[in-house]
Amino acid sequence: MRCLRLAATLLAVLWLNGCEYPYSGDGYAIVEENPNAEPWFDVFRPLDLTAVVNESGQLLPVIVWANGGCLRSNFTWQPLFKRWAAQGYVVLAMAEEPGRGALGTSNVQDHGALIDWALTQSPYADMIDAHRVVAAGNSCGGVTALGLAAVDARVAAVFVLSGSSAIGSTSESIMQAIDVPVGYVTGGPTDIAGGPARSDFDALPADASAMLVQRVSGGHVTVSTTVAILEEVADIALNWMNLALDGDEASYLELTSETVCATCTPGDWVLIEKNMERLVE
């Protein structure tokens, strides 16, 4: 427990001290905006939403993201958000709450409110696909994402970075309540969230579709905060979400390849999965 407290303290320092990530990859032009509305969050999305809808022939998928530490600073994960937005996702990530700042926290109810906003209150609600909602998060935020998926039928898939269904452990009740595809990415053997994530994976119902991608090295802080690693995590998650939401065969083939994603460093990642082939359409 002492190790977990020390890790949480270190991560809080890292998570609350960030800078703008200059995305320069491929995809759509993106924009970051703050709606200045409860539950207080930032939006990362394609600049021209209509163009994305017209080109893809589908309404837009949305990701509700829970920050590490369940805090209200999202700087650290901009490599994820901006990559996902450039590929046509609308990403909602908790931001500073008036009067409380980045040290304020968020919970399952707040993230349910993010879905409410996306589907009913946003100026582009008519372009959001209510059937393609992803709950995602890092560390404590993973607890939130999984907790949301267990109680909110609007969630269609889950992605968790170095986290699990309970802090440092597994909630059997939450894992048994989830009936949508769940994907995890963790660090190497020193990742304090790696064991609980594997326990989560094993606790899912036998017929669940799930993946656990483990990095061969790197602890909780490394995999959660290192830009170069987050850039690879972004593409692993894209493959997972495209497969889970759309049954995309190309994404399945990348995930099950030796590298796990096209931009991933060869030899750095290992996939464990169950029933993923059932997701392919």
Protein backbone atom coordinates (compact mmCIF):
# COMPACT_ATOMS: atom_id res chain seq x y z
CA MET A 1 0.00 0.00 0.00
CA ARG A 2 2.86 2.39 0.80
CA CYS A 3 4.27 1.80 -2.71
CA LEU A 4 0.91 2.61 -4.23
CA ARG A 5 0.71 5.87 -2.25
CA LEU A 6 4.21 6.88 -3.33
CA ALA A 7 3.41 6.05 -6.94
CA ALA A 8 0.20 8.07 -6.77
CA THR A 9 2.09 11.07 -5.38
CA LEU A 10 4.70 10.92 -8.13
CA LEU A 11 2.09 10.54 -10.82
CA ALA A 12 0.13 13.50 -9.50
CA VAL A 13 3.24 15.66 -9.87
CA LEU A 14 3.75 14.47 -13.43
CA TRP A 15 0.11 14.65 -14.45
CA LEU A 16 -0.43 18.19 -13.19
CA ASN A 17 2.64 19.62 -14.91
CA GLY A 18 2.33 19.33 -18.66
CA CYS A 19 2.66 21.28 -21.85
CA GLU A 20 0.80 21.36 -25.13
CA TYR A 21 1.55 18.36 -27.34
CA PRO A 22 2.15 19.43 -30.97
CA TYR A 23 0.46 16.71 -33.03
CA SER A 24 1.96 16.44 -36.51
CA GLY A 25 0.70 13.05 -37.66
CA ASP A 26 -1.66 12.13 -40.44
CA GLY A 27 -5.43 12.36 -40.48
CA TYR A 28 -7.91 15.20 -40.17
CA ALA A 29 -7.11 18.68 -38.93
CA ILE A 30 -8.09 18.86 -35.26
CA VAL A 31 -9.27 21.42 -32.76
CA GLU A 32 -9.21 21.58 -28.96
CA GLU A 33 -11.99 23.48 -27.22
CA ASN A 34 -13.47 24.00 -23.79
CA PRO A 35 -17.29 24.22 -23.75
CA ASN A 36 -17.21 25.92 -20.31
CA ALA A 37 -20.03 23.68 -19.16
CA GLU A 38 -20.55 21.05 -16.48
CA PRO A 39 -19.04 18.60 -15.76
CA TRP A 40 -16.07 20.79 -16.88
CA PHE A 41 -14.02 19.19 -19.62
CA ASP A 42 -12.06 19.72 -22.82
CA VAL A 43 -13.00 18.44 -26.27
CA PHE A 44 -10.50 17.20 -28.85
CA ARG A 45 -12.16 16.62 -32.20
CA PRO A 46 -11.80 16.84 -35.97
CA LEU A 47 -12.07 20.45 -37.11
CA ASP A 48 -14.54 19.68 -39.92
CA LEU A 49 -16.98 17.18 -38.48
CA THR A 50 -19.20 17.20 -41.55
CA ALA A 51 -16.30 16.19 -43.76
CA VAL A 52 -15.53 13.23 -41.49
CA VAL A 53 -19.15 12.06 -41.52
CA ASN A 54 -19.37 12.41 -45.29
CA GLU A 55 -16.08 10.63 -45.92
CA SER A 56 -16.67 7.77 -43.49
CA GLY A 57 -20.37 7.37 -44.16
CA GLN A 58 -20.92 7.07 -40.40
CA LEU A 59 -21.75 9.29 -37.49
CA LEU A 60 -18.86 10.11 -35.17
CA PRO A 61 -17.66 7.84 -32.35
CA VAL A 62 -17.04 9.46 -28.98
CA ILE A 63 -14.49 8.67 -26.25
CA VAL A 64 -15.08 9.77 -22.65
CA TRP A 65 -11.68 9.83 -20.96
CA ALA A 66 -10.90 9.61 -17.23
CA ASN A 67 -7.51 11.08 -16.31
CA GLY A 68 -4.88 9.34 -14.24
CA GLY A 69 -5.34 9.96 -10.53
CA CYS A 70 -9.00 10.71 -11.36
CA LEU A 71 -7.68 14.29 -11.51
CA ARG A 72 -8.75 17.20 -13.68
CA SER A 73 -5.58 17.77 -15.65
CA ASN A 74 -5.44 16.12 -19.08
CA PHE A 75 -2.11 17.49 -20.42
CA THR A 76 -0.28 14.19 -20.11
CA TRP A 77 -2.54 12.25 -22.47
CA GLN A 78 -2.75 14.73 -25.33
CA PRO A 79 -0.72 12.35 -27.54
CA LEU A 80 -3.68 9.99 -27.25
CA PHE A 81 -6.46 12.53 -27.66
CA LYS A 82 -5.00 14.32 -30.65
CA ARG A 83 -4.18 11.12 -32.50
CA TRP A 84 -7.67 9.80 -31.92
CA ALA A 85 -9.28 13.08 -32.96
CA ALA A 86 -7.21 13.11 -36.15
CA GLN A 87 -8.68 9.71 -36.95
CA GLY A 88 -12.27 10.87 -36.59
CA TYR A 89 -13.07 10.44 -32.89
CA VAL A 90 -14.57 13.07 -30.60
CA VAL A 91 -12.69 12.91 -27.29
CA LEU A 92 -14.03 14.39 -24.05
CA ALA A 93 -11.50 14.63 -21.21
CA MET A 94 -12.06 16.07 -17.75
CA ALA A 95 -10.49 19.50 -17.17
CA GLU A 96 -10.23 21.97 -14.31
CA GLU A 97 -13.38 22.61 -12.34
CA PRO A 98 -14.05 26.24 -11.35
CA GLY A 99 -12.90 26.84 -7.80
CA ARG A 100 -11.09 23.52 -7.47
CA GLY A 101 -8.55 23.50 -10.29
CA ALA A 102 -6.67 20.46 -11.53
CA LEU A 103 -6.66 18.89 -8.06
CA GLY A 104 -10.40 18.39 -8.23
CA THR A 105 -11.45 14.84 -8.97
CA SER A 106 -14.06 13.14 -11.12
CA ASN A 107 -16.17 10.01 -10.76
CA VAL A 108 -18.41 7.63 -12.68
CA GLN A 109 -21.35 10.04 -12.52
CA ASP A 110 -19.27 12.84 -14.04
CA HIS A 111 -18.31 10.64 -16.95
CA GLY A 112 -21.90 9.61 -17.47
CA ALA A 113 -22.61 13.34 -17.69
CA LEU A 114 -19.97 13.58 -20.43
CA ILE A 115 -21.98 11.10 -22.48
CA ASP A 116 -25.14 13.11 -21.76
CA TRP A 117 -23.45 16.26 -23.05
CA ALA A 118 -22.11 14.59 -26.19
CA LEU A 119 -25.43 13.04 -27.15
CA THR A 120 -27.91 15.73 -26.12
CA GLN A 121 -26.23 19.07 -25.40
CA SER A 122 -23.26 19.47 -27.72
CA PRO A 123 -23.65 21.67 -30.81
CA TYR A 124 -22.85 18.61 -32.94
CA ALA A 125 -25.03 16.09 -31.09
CA ASP A 126 -26.75 15.16 -34.35
CA MET A 127 -23.40 13.97 -35.71
CA ILE A 128 -22.49 11.76 -32.72
CA ASP A 129 -23.19 8.03 -32.91
CA ALA A 130 -24.95 7.00 -29.71
CA HIS A 131 -24.00 3.38 -30.41
CA ARG A 132 -20.24 4.04 -30.64
CA VAL A 133 -19.29 5.35 -27.19
CA VAL A 134 -15.97 4.32 -25.62
CA ALA A 135 -15.21 4.63 -21.90
CA ALA A 136 -11.45 5.02 -21.45
CA GLY A 137 -8.96 6.02 -18.79
CA ASN A 138 -5.55 5.67 -17.21
CA SER A 139 -4.74 4.30 -13.74
CA CYS A 140 -7.46 5.55 -11.36
CA GLY A 141 -9.23 6.72 -14.50
CA GLY A 142 -9.35 3.10 -15.59
CA VAL A 143 -11.34 2.32 -12.45
CA THR A 144 -13.77 5.04 -13.52
CA ALA A 145 -14.02 3.81 -17.11
CA LEU A 146 -14.70 0.23 -16.08
CA GLY A 147 -17.13 1.36 -13.39
CA LEU A 148 -19.01 3.39 -16.00
CA ALA A 149 -19.17 0.45 -18.41
CA ALA A 150 -20.64 -1.71 -15.67
CA VAL A 151 -23.63 0.60 -15.10
CA ASP A 152 -24.17 2.62 -18.30
CA ALA A 153 -25.63 0.72 -21.25
CA ARG A 154 -24.56 3.49 -23.63
CA VAL A 155 -20.93 2.37 -23.38
CA ALA A 156 -20.06 0.13 -26.34
CA ALA A 157 -16.38 -0.57 -25.57
CA VAL A 158 -13.70 0.09 -22.95
CA PHE A 159 -10.01 0.98 -23.18
CA VAL A 160 -7.79 1.12 -20.09
CA LEU A 161 -4.15 2.22 -19.94
CA SER A 162 -2.24 0.79 -16.96
CA GLY A 163 -5.27 0.43 -14.74
CA SER A 164 -7.89 -1.98 -13.46
CA SER A 165 -11.39 -2.16 -12.01
CA ALA A 166 -10.23 -1.32 -8.46
CA ILE A 167 -7.17 0.51 -7.17
CA GLY A 168 -4.43 -2.10 -7.02
CA SER A 169 -6.86 -5.00 -7.37
CA THR A 170 -9.87 -6.38 -9.23
CA SER A 171 -13.58 -5.88 -8.58
CA GLU A 172 -15.21 -9.18 -9.52
CA SER A 173 -18.67 -7.59 -9.45
CA ILE A 174 -17.68 -4.87 -11.90
CA MET A 175 -15.95 -7.28 -14.28
CA GLN A 176 -18.92 -9.64 -14.29
CA ALA A 177 -21.28 -6.73 -14.97
CA ILE A 178 -19.44 -5.61 -18.12
CA ASP A 179 -20.82 -7.07 -21.34
CA VAL A 180 -18.88 -5.03 -23.92
CA PRO A 181 -15.35 -5.55 -25.32
CA VAL A 182 -12.57 -4.48 -22.94
CA GLY A 183 -8.99 -3.66 -23.95
CA TYR A 184 -6.00 -3.08 -21.65
CA VAL A 185 -2.49 -1.80 -22.27
CA THR A 186 0.04 -2.11 -19.46
CA GLY A 187 3.74 -1.70 -18.90
CA GLY A 188 6.26 -4.42 -18.17
CA PRO A 189 6.74 -6.60 -15.08
CA THR A 190 7.38 -3.55 -12.87
CA ASP A 191 4.02 -1.93 -13.70
CA ILE A 192 2.05 -1.94 -10.44
CA ALA A 193 -1.18 -2.02 -12.46
CA GLY A 194 -0.09 -4.96 -14.60
CA GLY A 195 -1.11 -7.72 -12.19
CA PRO A 196 -4.54 -6.25 -11.42
CA ALA A 197 -5.17 -5.68 -15.15
CA ARG A 198 -4.42 -9.34 -15.81
CA SER A 199 -6.76 -10.30 -12.96
CA ASP A 200 -9.45 -8.14 -14.57
CA PHE A 201 -8.86 -9.84 -17.90
CA ASP A 202 -9.21 -13.26 -16.31
CA ALA A 203 -12.34 -12.21 -14.38
CA LEU A 204 -14.30 -11.26 -17.48
CA PRO A 205 -17.08 -13.66 -18.51
CA ALA A 206 -15.82 -16.60 -20.58
CA ASP A 207 -17.55 -15.38 -23.73
CA ALA A 208 -16.22 -11.80 -23.46
CA SER A 209 -14.01 -10.31 -26.17
CA ALA A 210 -10.93 -8.73 -24.63
CA MET A 211 -7.29 -7.87 -25.16
CA LEU A 212 -4.35 -7.27 -22.87
CA VAL A 213 -1.30 -5.72 -24.54
CA GLN A 214 1.78 -5.70 -22.33
CA ARG A 215 4.98 -3.77 -22.92
CA VAL A 216 8.09 -5.86 -22.36
CA SER A 217 9.57 -3.17 -20.10
CA GLY A 218 8.56 0.04 -18.36
CA GLY A 219 6.63 0.64 -15.18
CA HIS A 220 3.37 2.44 -14.45
CA VAL A 221 4.83 5.94 -14.70
CA THR A 222 6.79 5.14 -17.86
CA VAL A 223 3.90 3.71 -19.83
CA SER A 224 1.46 6.35 -18.54
CA THR A 225 3.52 9.49 -19.20
CA THR A 226 6.25 8.94 -21.81
CA VAL A 227 5.32 10.71 -25.05
CA ALA A 228 6.99 8.23 -27.42
CA ILE A 229 5.23 5.33 -25.69
CA LEU A 230 1.89 7.15 -25.59
CA GLU A 231 2.14 7.70 -29.34
CA GLU A 232 2.32 3.93 -29.78
CA VAL A 233 -0.41 3.36 -27.20
CA ALA A 234 -2.62 5.73 -29.21
CA ASP A 235 -2.37 3.49 -32.26
CA ILE A 236 -2.84 0.27 -30.29
CA ALA A 237 -5.99 1.80 -28.81
CA LEU A 238 -7.16 2.93 -32.26
CA ASN A 239 -6.85 -0.62 -33.52
CA TRP A 240 -8.78 -1.86 -30.51
CA MET A 241 -11.56 0.72 -30.76
CA ASN A 242 -11.94 0.34 -34.53
CA LEU A 243 -12.24 -3.42 -34.04
CA ALA A 244 -14.58 -3.25 -31.04
CA LEU A 245 -16.89 -0.61 -32.53
CA ASP A 246 -16.78 -1.42 -36.23
CA GLY A 247 -15.44 -4.96 -36.57
CA ASP A 248 -12.56 -3.60 -38.64
CA GLU A 249 -10.55 -6.52 -40.03
CA ALA A 250 -7.43 -4.46 -40.79
CA SER A 251 -7.28 -3.40 -37.13
CA TYR A 252 -7.65 -7.01 -36.02
CA LEU A 253 -4.81 -8.08 -38.29
CA GLU A 254 -2.55 -5.33 -36.89
CA LEU A 255 -3.34 -6.22 -33.29
CA THR A 256 -2.59 -9.88 -33.92
CA SER A 257 0.61 -9.15 -35.85
CA GLU A 258 4.08 -9.34 -34.29
CA THR A 259 4.21 -5.58 -33.73
CA VAL A 260 0.57 -5.04 -32.53
CA CYS A 261 0.36 -1.72 -34.39
CA ALA A 262 1.96 -0.41 -37.59
CA THR A 263 3.85 2.34 -35.75
CA CYS A 264 4.87 0.20 -32.76
CA THR A 265 8.51 -0.60 -32.09
CA PRO A 266 9.12 -4.26 -33.03
CA GLY A 267 9.53 -6.48 -30.00
CA ASP A 268 8.15 -3.97 -27.49
CA TRP A 269 4.59 -5.25 -27.16
CA VAL A 270 2.95 -8.63 -26.53
CA LEU A 271 -0.76 -9.37 -27.09
CA ILE A 272 -2.89 -11.66 -24.96
CA GLU A 273 -6.48 -11.95 -26.16
CA LYS A 274 -9.68 -13.90 -25.96
CA ASN A 275 -12.51 -14.09 -28.46
CA MET A 276 -11.20 -11.11 -30.45
CA GLU A 277 -11.97 -12.87 -33.73
CA ARG A 278 -15.67 -12.66 -32.88
CA LEU A 279 -15.50 -8.89 -33.27
CA VAL A 280 -14.44 -9.02 -36.93
CA GLU A 281 -17.24 -8.30 -39.38
